[in-house]
Structure formats: C-alpha cells, structure tokens
Amino acid sequence: MIDQVHSQLKKIFNGRFSTSESTRANYARGEDTYDPVLSQAVVFPETNEEVSQILKICNENKIPVVPFGTGTSLEGNAVGNSNGITISLEKMNKILSVNAEDFDCRVQANVTRKQLNEHLREDGVFFPIDPGADAALGGMASTSASGTMAVKYGTMRTVISGLTVVLPNGEIIKTGSRTKKTSAGYNLTNLFIGSEGTLGIITEVQVRLSPIPESIMSAVCYFPDLDSAVKTAQEVIQFGVPIARIEMLNKDQMEISIKYSKLDNVKASPTLFFEFHGSETTNNEAINIVEELSKNNNGSDFQWASSTEEQKKLWKARHDVYYSVKALGNNMKVYSTDVCVPISKLVECISWAEKEVNRLGLTAPMVGHVGDGNFHSIILYDPHDKEKQKKIRQYSDDLINKALELEGTITGEHGIGLQKKHYLLKEHMDNIPVMKAIKRSIDCNNIMNPGKVFDLN
C-alpha cells in the first residue's frame, strides 16, 4: 500500500518528494527530547491544492500524515510516523496580502514571525506574537502559541481571525473573516487553533496586526530573591499597569545568559525584564508606577536599554535561554516545562518549583512570562543518566499537580504533543470523549498526526 502511495506522490511531485534517509531524518522531530522517528517519505507542497491532493491519496489508503513547519515545537508535536509520510510546509512561505489600513494580513502557513515583521517594516504595523523561536505562523496557530508579549497583545487565539484548512479528505475550507468580529455560526477557527495537526492542515492564516508603538522602552530590575521579583510582576498586573512584556529569569538562568549572550553590566540575580509600548507620556506614567512597585519589593534601580541595539541584545538574550542551557554540556538534552496559573497564585507556584528543583538536585534554571502567569523550568540532563531522568519525571509530575491544585493549566503555550497526553487526562478528563468525537467525525480514518494530543483508540 505504502509503495503505491509513494509511486503516486512521486509522479505528482517529482523532485519535491523524497524517501532518502537524510531528508527523512531532517523532518523526524522538533526541538524536543524524543528520539527522531523517520516517516516513510517527506513531500513538499506549494499550494492548498497540492496539500489537498496529498491528503486525498493518504486518506483513501489510510496512510498517517504528520505536518511539519519549522520544527521548533517542544512537546513531540512534530515527531514523525514510521508508517506514514511527513508533509513539510516550508515551500508555503508567501505573504499573500497586507491591509495596513485595516490592521490585518493573510500569509501561508510557513511564513515566520521575523519574515512577516521584516515585510511589514515600512507599513507602520507589526505582528506582535513572539514565542522566542522564529516559528512559522501555521505551527504557532496549531499549538496556540503565545510568548513574551501576551500580557499586552494576547495569544494566537487573540490575533487570528481566519484560517484556510485542508481536511483529511482533501476538502479545503476557509474559516472566519477579515472583520473584527463575527457571529456567523460555529467558531471553527478556534477549533483548529491548538489542534496540533490532528484535525487537518492549516495552510493559510489571517492575522490581526498592531500599530508600531510611538515609544518602546526596555529595562531590567534586579531583586534579592525570586519571590520578590515574581510578587512585583503580580502587582504590576493587578494594578492594571499598561505594559508590553514582563519576563522573569532566576539567578541560575541569569548567570548562564550573561556568559552565553555576552551581556555587559548585568547582574546575576533574580531579574525582571520590562518593556513598555505606547506614547512617551503613557510609558513614563507606567514606568513610575512599576519603579515604585519594584522598590517596595526591594528591587534595585532600573537599568535602561538606551538604544535600539541594546534593546535587541537584551531580548535576544531572553529568547536564547533554551540554547544557552543546552550549551552547558556536550551531548546533553534539554526538557522545557510549561505550566500557567492564575496571576494571584504565581508566587506560590514558582516558589514551590524553585524549592523542588533544589531538593532534587536538578540543573533547571527558570524563566517565565510572569505577566500572564506562565513559566518554564529548562532542565539539562544526560540522556544516559536514567536516575536523573526519573527525578525529572517526578518533578514534572509534581509541578503539573501543583499547577492544577492552584487552578492552573498543564500548558500555557507548548501544546500537548506526545509529552503531555497523560497530563491532559488529569486536567480535562471530561473533555476527552468530546475531543475524540470531533476527531472521529472530521478524521474518520485517523490519519492526521495520530497519537498526538490523545490516543484515539
């Protein structure tokens, strides 16, 4: 059966279909801890119609399909299928339309956030969702990504107004609209956001844009302990201060980032990175409040990034934390956790996590989008050290239980993939039958990224 499918696809796609081991290995996993799983083949479509052709053939022959974007996912979302094929969307990277006067645009799935913002640079608008990695918008939609600026601009669910999706049977549908609001029927757009390729392949994304702020001001502030830093972030949000980003790095991560990113005149202490977007007047008003809140929690004076270059260097260091931890050792792996709790519970959860990391003796520096209650432990380990892996699993399990105890969620932005399937049962056991019913109705042959999010059978 698979040979017949290969023959059909090779005839259609010629040089854009490959069964070579090296190509398959390049599309066998994301930035996760899983061993690569090589699909039988990789195909590179360029249009919605070509994706439709592939899915029709695979659906008729019950061949599993794994969608692949830039490969930056962290929970096994893009691990290959040894009985199926991987569809790489890398050639679907065109910006289709920009409507700056309406603050929206439409792009193909593999347009990355940096590519889009470079294209928009002269239009006075920008795409604000910033997960750190230069991820593709289709992948960001499929995992419901967010990142450092969610506190002001929201998540992918907030900014997506419509999608083009190819269903498992090859049917092409368009959801949503360009309008700011709609009440026309079921919200199918949000059904596919966060579905991780299990219901269809997102091939186009309609996103809302934001005006480039008149003034952008960035600063760091140091604290004597992590609790004081997190409490400050919590109070900034509870006071309703307009702020674009509040990022937390604990002392361990600051030490690593200073060396890796070659930061000058920066302290190795628990640190908050702040960024303010607005007019100079509103920024200064917000800054005065935040400085006062920081001082009340024993924060040091703000250290300002006085130039655009300094701002970029500061935020690049924040974005590079995953790679900075990975660089600590040769042949090491990194597992990045991801939980989110209500902002009033954040101090308790992060304090508990830091104590637990120390108790277990893990190398696990901590970072967080503390403005929206989301944080990560970035855990370095030797893949041959089975005892250390048991401790990591214990920490991960206990952190999930703590987040749920505090009425949080098992993932704020990474998604479920393979890694968090059993955690999803803890958070939404009553939802799983409904999810399975939706999956069966849309993907009756279970070809779309099977085994991810939940096990259907």
Protein backbone atom coordinates (compact mmCIF):
# COMPACT_ATOMS: atom_id res chain seq x y z
CA MET A 1 0.00 0.00 0.00
CA ILE A 2 2.71 2.48 1.01
CA ASP A 3 4.66 1.71 -2.20
CA GLN A 4 1.57 2.53 -4.26
CA VAL A 5 1.15 5.84 -2.44
CA HIS A 6 4.84 6.65 -2.90
CA SER A 7 4.51 5.98 -6.62
CA GLN A 8 1.52 8.32 -6.93
CA LEU A 9 3.12 11.12 -4.94
CA LYS A 10 6.46 10.81 -6.70
CA LYS A 11 4.69 11.13 -10.04
CA ILE A 12 2.88 14.28 -8.92
CA PHE A 13 5.72 15.99 -7.03
CA ASN A 14 8.84 14.66 -8.75
CA GLY A 15 11.78 16.45 -7.04
CA ARG A 16 9.57 17.59 -4.16
CA PHE A 17 9.09 14.05 -2.85
CA SER A 18 11.90 12.25 -1.04
CA THR A 19 12.48 8.88 0.59
CA SER A 20 16.17 9.48 1.31
CA GLU A 21 17.21 8.75 4.88
CA SER A 22 18.95 12.11 5.33
CA THR A 23 15.86 14.06 4.25
CA ARG A 24 13.57 11.97 6.43
CA ALA A 25 15.91 12.47 9.40
CA ASN A 26 15.75 16.26 8.97
CA TYR A 27 11.97 16.15 9.45
CA ALA A 28 11.76 13.50 12.16
CA ARG A 29 11.25 15.65 15.29
CA GLY A 30 11.15 19.18 16.68
CA GLU A 31 13.22 20.78 19.47
CA ASP A 32 12.02 18.13 21.91
CA THR A 33 13.60 15.33 23.93
CA TYR A 34 12.26 12.49 21.78
CA ASP A 35 14.41 10.29 19.61
CA PRO A 36 13.75 11.08 15.94
CA VAL A 37 11.14 8.93 14.19
CA LEU A 38 11.63 8.79 10.43
CA SER A 39 8.49 8.79 8.33
CA GLN A 40 8.48 6.71 5.15
CA ALA A 41 8.80 9.83 2.99
CA VAL A 42 8.71 13.64 3.02
CA VAL A 43 6.72 15.69 0.49
CA PHE A 44 6.97 19.45 -0.12
CA PRO A 45 3.72 21.01 -1.44
CA GLU A 46 3.48 24.64 -2.55
CA THR A 47 -0.29 25.26 -2.76
CA ASN A 48 -3.52 24.41 -0.97
CA GLU A 49 -4.49 22.24 -3.91
CA GLU A 50 -1.29 20.20 -3.63
CA VAL A 51 -1.87 19.63 0.09
CA SER A 52 -5.39 18.54 -0.84
CA GLN A 53 -4.04 16.02 -3.36
CA ILE A 54 -1.70 14.51 -0.77
CA LEU A 55 -4.39 14.15 1.87
CA LYS A 56 -6.90 12.63 -0.56
CA ILE A 57 -4.39 9.94 -1.54
CA CYS A 58 -3.32 9.26 2.05
CA ASN A 59 -6.91 9.19 3.32
CA GLU A 60 -8.00 6.74 0.63
CA ASN A 61 -5.11 4.46 1.58
CA LYS A 62 -5.26 5.13 5.35
CA ILE A 63 -1.67 6.39 5.46
CA PRO A 64 -0.78 8.54 8.51
CA VAL A 65 0.30 12.14 7.89
CA VAL A 66 2.48 14.40 10.06
CA PRO A 67 2.50 18.16 9.25
CA PHE A 68 5.89 19.86 9.72
CA GLY A 69 6.71 23.58 9.87
CA THR A 70 9.97 24.98 11.22
CA GLY A 71 10.48 22.21 13.78
CA THR A 72 10.59 24.46 16.86
CA SER A 73 7.89 22.61 18.84
CA LEU A 74 8.86 21.28 22.26
CA GLU A 75 6.42 18.52 23.24
CA GLY A 76 6.83 15.96 20.45
CA ASN A 77 4.13 17.66 18.34
CA ALA A 78 6.07 17.07 15.07
CA VAL A 79 7.71 13.68 15.70
CA GLY A 80 7.45 11.55 12.54
CA ASN A 81 5.35 8.43 11.96
CA SER A 82 7.21 5.30 10.85
CA ASN A 83 4.17 4.08 8.89
CA GLY A 84 3.29 7.39 7.29
CA ILE A 85 4.57 10.45 5.48
CA THR A 86 5.60 13.91 6.66
CA ILE A 87 4.27 16.95 4.84
CA SER A 88 6.77 19.80 5.07
CA LEU A 89 5.15 23.19 4.53
CA GLU A 90 8.46 25.00 4.10
CA LYS A 91 7.69 26.00 0.49
CA MET A 92 4.39 27.55 1.55
CA ASN A 93 6.07 30.73 2.79
CA LYS A 94 4.40 33.55 0.85
CA ILE A 95 2.82 36.68 2.29
CA LEU A 96 -0.45 36.76 0.36
CA SER A 97 -1.90 40.16 1.27
CA VAL A 98 -1.35 43.06 3.66
CA ASN A 99 -4.09 45.52 4.58
CA ALA A 100 -2.28 48.02 6.79
CA GLU A 101 -5.28 50.36 6.90
CA ASP A 102 -7.37 47.53 8.38
CA PHE A 103 -4.52 46.15 10.51
CA ASP A 104 -4.62 42.65 9.05
CA CYS A 105 -2.83 40.36 6.63
CA ARG A 106 -3.01 36.83 5.19
CA VAL A 107 0.00 34.54 4.95
CA GLN A 108 0.82 30.98 4.01
CA ALA A 109 1.49 28.64 6.90
CA ASN A 110 5.29 28.63 6.83
CA VAL A 111 5.78 32.40 6.89
CA THR A 112 7.78 33.04 10.07
CA ARG A 113 7.18 35.86 12.50
CA LYS A 114 10.52 37.53 11.69
CA GLN A 115 9.87 37.25 7.95
CA LEU A 116 6.45 38.85 8.37
CA ASN A 117 7.68 41.70 10.54
CA GLU A 118 10.53 42.43 8.13
CA HIS A 119 7.95 42.65 5.32
CA LEU A 120 5.71 44.95 7.40
CA ARG A 121 8.52 47.27 8.49
CA GLU A 122 7.54 50.15 6.18
CA ASP A 123 3.78 49.84 6.80
CA GLY A 124 3.68 51.14 10.38
CA VAL A 125 2.27 47.85 11.69
CA PHE A 126 3.71 44.66 13.16
CA PHE A 127 2.79 41.11 14.17
CA PRO A 128 3.06 41.05 17.98
CA ILE A 129 3.05 37.36 18.98
CA ASP A 130 6.60 36.46 19.96
CA PRO A 131 7.26 32.89 21.20
CA GLY A 132 11.03 33.41 21.08
CA ALA A 133 11.85 30.95 18.33
CA ASP A 134 11.42 32.15 14.74
CA ALA A 135 8.44 29.86 14.40
CA ALA A 136 6.05 29.60 11.45
CA LEU A 137 2.60 31.13 11.87
CA GLY A 138 0.88 27.89 10.85
CA GLY A 139 2.71 25.99 13.57
CA MET A 140 2.05 28.79 16.06
CA ALA A 141 -1.65 28.51 15.21
CA SER A 142 -1.68 24.74 15.55
CA THR A 143 -0.16 24.86 19.06
CA SER A 144 -1.94 28.07 20.14
CA ALA A 145 1.42 29.71 20.82
CA SER A 146 1.94 32.99 22.64
CA GLY A 147 5.20 34.17 24.24
CA THR A 148 6.74 37.28 25.68
CA MET A 149 4.16 39.90 24.62
CA ALA A 150 0.98 38.02 25.51
CA VAL A 151 0.42 40.30 28.51
CA LYS A 152 -0.43 43.18 26.14
CA TYR A 153 -1.25 41.64 22.75
CA GLY A 154 -2.72 38.26 23.68
CA THR A 155 -2.05 34.86 22.10
CA MET A 156 -2.54 33.31 18.67
CA ARG A 157 -6.19 32.76 19.58
CA THR A 158 -6.47 36.52 20.10
CA VAL A 159 -4.95 37.64 16.80
CA ILE A 160 -6.18 35.02 14.33
CA SER A 161 -9.41 35.98 12.58
CA GLY A 162 -9.49 33.19 9.98
CA LEU A 163 -7.76 30.14 8.56
CA THR A 164 -7.54 28.05 5.43
CA VAL A 165 -7.53 24.39 6.45
CA VAL A 166 -7.23 21.24 4.33
CA LEU A 167 -9.31 18.50 5.92
CA PRO A 168 -8.23 14.82 5.94
CA ASN A 169 -10.47 14.02 2.96
CA GLY A 170 -8.78 16.78 0.93
CA GLU A 171 -11.60 19.30 1.24
CA ILE A 172 -10.34 22.91 1.52
CA ILE A 173 -12.27 25.19 3.89
CA LYS A 174 -11.90 28.82 4.91
CA THR A 175 -12.96 29.81 8.41
CA GLY A 176 -13.62 33.21 9.95
CA SER A 177 -13.32 36.51 8.09
CA ARG A 178 -11.29 39.72 7.91
CA THR A 179 -13.74 41.57 10.13
CA LYS A 180 -13.03 42.47 13.74
CA LYS A 181 -15.99 40.40 14.89
CA THR A 182 -18.45 37.85 13.55
CA SER A 183 -21.29 35.74 14.94
CA ALA A 184 -21.75 33.62 11.81
CA GLY A 185 -22.13 30.05 13.01
CA TYR A 186 -19.74 27.80 14.91
CA ASN A 187 -16.30 29.20 15.72
CA LEU A 188 -14.37 26.74 13.56
CA THR A 189 -11.31 28.97 13.58
CA ASN A 190 -10.78 28.31 17.28
CA LEU A 191 -11.46 24.61 16.79
CA PHE A 192 -8.37 24.29 14.62
CA ILE A 193 -6.18 26.63 16.71
CA GLY A 194 -4.42 24.35 19.18
CA SER A 195 -5.44 21.14 17.37
CA GLU A 196 -1.77 20.34 16.56
CA GLY A 197 -2.46 18.96 13.09
CA THR A 198 -4.85 16.27 14.36
CA LEU A 199 -7.91 17.63 12.52
CA GLY A 200 -6.40 18.98 9.31
CA ILE A 201 -3.51 21.01 7.96
CA ILE A 202 -3.55 24.79 8.39
CA THR A 203 -2.21 26.23 5.12
CA GLU A 204 -3.11 29.94 5.43
CA VAL A 205 -3.52 32.25 8.43
CA GLN A 206 -5.43 35.55 8.58
CA VAL A 207 -3.96 37.62 11.43
CA ARG A 208 -4.65 40.94 13.06
CA LEU A 209 -1.73 43.37 13.23
CA SER A 210 -0.90 46.14 15.69
CA PRO A 211 0.39 49.67 15.11
CA ILE A 212 4.10 50.10 15.82
CA PRO A 213 4.27 51.99 19.14
CA GLU A 214 5.44 55.60 19.17
CA SER A 215 7.82 54.77 22.01
CA ILE A 216 9.41 51.48 23.13
CA MET A 217 11.37 51.45 26.39
CA SER A 218 13.14 48.41 27.88
CA ALA A 219 14.74 47.92 31.29
CA VAL A 220 15.94 45.30 33.75
CA CYS A 221 15.49 45.31 37.51
CA TYR A 222 17.25 43.02 40.00
CA PHE A 223 15.82 41.51 43.17
CA PRO A 224 17.32 39.85 46.24
CA ASP A 225 15.21 36.72 45.79
CA LEU A 226 12.84 35.16 43.28
CA ASP A 227 9.71 35.64 45.39
CA SER A 228 10.25 39.43 45.40
CA ALA A 229 10.63 39.51 41.62
CA VAL A 230 7.51 37.44 40.98
CA LYS A 231 5.49 39.40 43.54
CA THR A 232 6.42 42.62 41.71
CA ALA A 233 5.23 41.20 38.39
CA GLN A 234 1.99 40.07 40.03
CA GLU A 235 1.37 43.53 41.49
CA VAL A 236 2.10 45.26 38.15
CA ILE A 237 -0.70 43.23 36.55
CA GLN A 238 -3.09 43.62 39.48
CA PHE A 239 -2.60 47.42 39.40
CA GLY A 240 -3.60 47.39 35.72
CA VAL A 241 -0.35 48.98 34.55
CA PRO A 242 -0.18 49.04 30.71
CA ILE A 243 2.96 47.05 29.91
CA ALA A 244 4.01 45.02 26.88
CA ARG A 245 6.30 42.43 28.48
CA ILE A 246 7.38 41.26 31.93
CA GLU A 247 9.85 38.40 31.76
CA MET A 248 11.45 36.70 34.75
CA LEU A 249 14.85 34.99 34.82
CA ASN A 250 16.03 33.40 38.07
CA LYS A 251 19.60 33.74 39.34
CA ASP A 252 20.78 30.50 37.71
CA GLN A 253 19.46 31.50 34.31
CA MET A 254 20.94 35.00 34.57
CA GLU A 255 24.40 33.52 35.25
CA ILE A 256 24.05 31.29 32.18
CA SER A 257 22.67 34.06 29.94
CA ILE A 258 25.37 36.56 30.91
CA LYS A 259 28.05 34.15 29.73
CA TYR A 260 26.22 32.80 26.68
CA SER A 261 24.90 36.12 25.34
CA LYS A 262 27.93 38.15 26.48
CA LEU A 263 25.85 40.67 28.41
CA ASP A 264 27.72 43.66 29.84
CA ASN A 265 26.97 45.41 33.14
CA VAL A 266 24.26 42.91 34.07
CA LYS A 267 23.95 41.22 37.48
CA ALA A 268 23.47 37.51 38.19
CA SER A 269 20.40 37.98 40.40
CA PRO A 270 16.71 37.17 40.05
CA THR A 271 15.72 39.63 37.34
CA LEU A 272 12.67 41.10 35.64
CA PHE A 273 12.89 42.30 32.04
CA PHE A 274 10.33 45.03 31.35
CA GLU A 275 9.18 46.58 28.07
CA PHE A 276 6.72 49.44 27.66
CA HIS A 277 4.88 50.24 24.40
CA GLY A 278 2.96 53.48 23.94
CA SER A 279 3.47 57.20 23.79
CA GLU A 280 6.31 58.73 25.77
CA THR A 281 3.78 60.19 28.21
CA THR A 282 1.93 56.93 28.90
CA ASN A 283 5.22 55.00 29.09
CA ASN A 284 6.65 57.41 31.64
CA GLU A 285 3.49 57.19 33.75
CA ALA A 286 3.63 53.37 33.66
CA ILE A 287 7.35 53.34 34.41
CA ASN A 288 6.90 55.49 37.52
CA ILE A 289 4.34 53.04 38.91
CA VAL A 290 6.44 49.98 38.09
CA GLU A 291 9.58 51.51 39.62
CA GLU A 292 7.67 52.24 42.82
CA LEU A 293 6.28 48.69 42.99
CA SER A 294 9.76 47.28 42.38
CA LYS A 295 11.30 49.38 45.14
CA ASN A 296 8.58 48.27 47.55
CA ASN A 297 9.76 44.70 46.91
CA ASN A 298 13.46 45.57 47.35
CA GLY A 299 14.16 45.82 43.63
CA SER A 300 17.20 47.78 42.53
CA ASP A 301 17.10 50.85 40.32
CA PHE A 302 16.03 50.21 36.74
CA GLN A 303 18.85 49.68 34.25
CA TRP A 304 17.65 51.08 30.93
CA ALA A 305 18.47 49.88 27.43
CA SER A 306 19.15 53.29 25.97
CA SER A 307 19.41 52.30 22.30
CA THR A 308 17.57 50.01 19.88
CA GLU A 309 20.71 47.85 19.66
CA GLU A 310 20.78 47.40 23.45
CA GLN A 311 17.08 46.53 23.46
CA LYS A 312 17.59 43.89 20.78
CA LYS A 313 20.56 42.40 22.61
CA LEU A 314 18.61 42.26 25.85
CA TRP A 315 15.62 40.48 24.31
CA LYS A 316 17.79 38.20 22.21
CA ALA A 317 19.42 37.01 25.42
CA ARG A 318 15.93 36.25 26.78
CA HIS A 319 14.97 34.37 23.61
CA ASP A 320 18.20 32.37 23.64
CA VAL A 321 17.75 30.87 27.12
CA TYR A 322 16.91 27.39 25.76
CA TYR A 323 20.10 27.29 23.69
CA SER A 324 22.15 28.84 26.50
CA VAL A 325 21.21 25.96 28.80
CA LYS A 326 21.80 23.39 26.06
CA ALA A 327 25.30 24.80 25.53
CA LEU A 328 26.31 23.95 29.11
CA GLY A 329 27.40 20.45 28.12
CA ASN A 330 28.20 18.24 25.15
CA ASN A 331 25.67 15.59 24.06
CA MET A 332 23.18 16.81 26.64
CA LYS A 333 19.43 17.17 26.24
CA VAL A 334 17.06 19.85 27.46
CA TYR A 335 13.50 19.39 28.63
CA SER A 336 11.48 22.60 28.95
CA THR A 337 8.41 22.53 31.20
CA ASP A 338 5.40 24.78 30.66
CA VAL A 339 2.62 25.50 33.15
CA CYS A 340 0.37 28.51 33.68
CA VAL A 341 -1.53 29.57 36.81
CA PRO A 342 -3.82 32.45 37.78
CA ILE A 343 -1.71 35.53 38.45
CA SER A 344 -2.62 35.56 42.16
CA LYS A 345 -1.15 32.05 42.53
CA LEU A 346 2.09 32.72 40.65
CA VAL A 347 4.34 33.49 43.64
CA GLU A 348 3.27 30.29 45.38
CA CYS A 349 3.79 28.11 42.30
CA ILE A 350 7.20 29.47 41.30
CA SER A 351 8.45 29.42 44.91
CA TRP A 352 7.37 25.79 45.21
CA ALA A 353 9.06 24.93 41.87
CA GLU A 354 12.39 26.52 42.83
CA LYS A 355 12.49 24.66 46.17
CA GLU A 356 11.63 21.36 44.44
CA VAL A 357 14.36 21.80 41.83
CA ASN A 358 16.91 22.37 44.59
CA ARG A 359 15.63 19.40 46.60
CA LEU A 360 16.01 17.07 43.63
CA GLY A 361 19.42 18.44 42.65
CA LEU A 362 18.38 19.31 39.09
CA THR A 363 20.10 21.75 36.74
CA ALA A 364 16.91 23.60 35.90
CA PRO A 365 17.14 27.39 35.52
CA MET A 366 13.78 29.10 35.43
CA VAL A 367 12.22 31.69 33.11
CA GLY A 368 8.71 32.99 32.87
CA HIS A 369 6.18 35.13 31.04
CA VAL A 370 5.19 36.23 34.51
CA GLY A 371 2.83 38.93 33.25
CA ASP A 372 0.37 36.20 32.30
CA GLY A 373 1.19 33.53 34.87
CA ASN A 374 3.21 31.27 32.55
CA PHE A 375 6.68 29.93 33.43
CA HIS A 376 9.20 27.27 32.44
CA SER A 377 11.96 25.23 34.06
CA ILE A 378 14.63 24.46 31.46
CA ILE A 379 16.11 21.17 32.62
CA LEU A 380 19.51 19.97 31.41
CA TYR A 381 20.26 16.25 31.59
CA ASP A 382 22.47 13.47 30.29
CA PRO A 383 20.28 11.10 28.20
CA HIS A 384 22.26 8.16 29.62
CA ASP A 385 21.57 9.12 33.25
CA LYS A 386 18.39 7.15 33.98
CA GLU A 387 18.26 8.18 37.65
CA LYS A 388 18.30 11.87 36.72
CA GLN A 389 15.52 11.26 34.18
CA LYS A 390 13.39 9.67 36.93
CA LYS A 391 13.87 12.80 39.03
CA ILE A 392 12.89 14.99 36.08
CA ARG A 393 9.73 12.94 35.57
CA GLN A 394 8.94 13.21 39.29
CA TYR A 395 9.45 16.99 39.17
CA SER A 396 7.35 17.34 36.03
CA ASP A 397 4.52 15.23 37.50
CA ASP A 398 4.56 17.14 40.79
CA LEU A 399 4.68 20.54 39.03
CA ILE A 400 1.63 19.59 36.97
CA ASN A 401 -0.21 18.52 40.12
CA LYS A 402 0.74 21.80 41.82
CA ALA A 403 -0.45 23.87 38.84
CA LEU A 404 -3.78 22.02 38.76
CA GLU A 405 -4.15 22.37 42.54
CA LEU A 406 -3.81 26.14 42.01
CA GLU A 407 -6.48 26.04 39.26
CA GLY A 408 -3.90 26.45 36.52
CA THR A 409 -3.28 24.57 33.29
CA ILE A 410 -0.76 21.93 32.23
CA THR A 411 0.43 24.04 29.29
CA GLY A 412 0.19 27.75 28.56
CA GLU A 413 1.73 27.67 25.10
CA HIS A 414 3.66 24.48 24.22
CA GLY A 415 0.65 22.30 23.49
CA ILE A 416 0.24 18.59 24.28
CA GLY A 417 2.03 16.62 21.54
CA LEU A 418 3.28 13.29 22.88
CA GLN A 419 4.74 14.58 26.14
CA LYS A 420 1.61 15.78 27.92
CA LYS A 421 -1.07 13.33 26.82
CA HIS A 422 -1.39 11.74 30.27
CA TYR A 423 -1.45 15.20 31.87
CA LEU A 424 -4.35 16.21 29.63
CA LEU A 425 -6.34 13.36 31.17
CA LYS A 426 -5.77 14.97 34.57
CA GLU A 427 -6.88 18.43 33.51
CA HIS A 428 -9.72 17.65 31.11
CA MET A 429 -10.79 14.04 31.56
CA ASP A 430 -14.43 15.02 30.96
CA ASN A 431 -13.46 16.80 27.72
CA ILE A 432 -11.57 13.89 26.13
CA PRO A 433 -14.68 11.99 24.89
CA VAL A 434 -15.89 15.18 23.17
CA MET A 435 -12.46 15.76 21.60
CA LYS A 436 -12.44 12.16 20.35
CA ALA A 437 -15.92 12.53 18.88
CA ILE A 438 -14.83 15.65 16.97
CA LYS A 439 -11.66 13.87 15.78
CA ARG A 440 -13.63 10.84 14.54
CA SER A 441 -16.19 12.97 12.71
CA ILE A 442 -13.55 15.00 10.83
CA ASP A 443 -10.78 12.39 10.54
CA CYS A 444 -12.63 9.08 10.36
CA ASN A 445 -9.52 7.15 9.27
CA ASN A 446 -7.32 8.74 11.98
CA ILE A 447 -4.60 9.76 9.52
CA MET A 448 -3.88 13.24 10.89
CA ASN A 449 -0.91 13.27 13.28
CA PRO A 450 -2.21 10.15 15.04
CA GLY A 451 -1.16 9.57 18.65
CA LYS A 452 -0.67 13.27 19.37
CA VAL A 453 -2.80 15.12 21.97
CA PHE A 454 -4.63 11.87 22.89
CA ASP A 455 -4.80 8.25 21.78
CA LEU A 456 -7.96 7.80 19.74
CA ASN A 457 -8.35 4.05 20.24
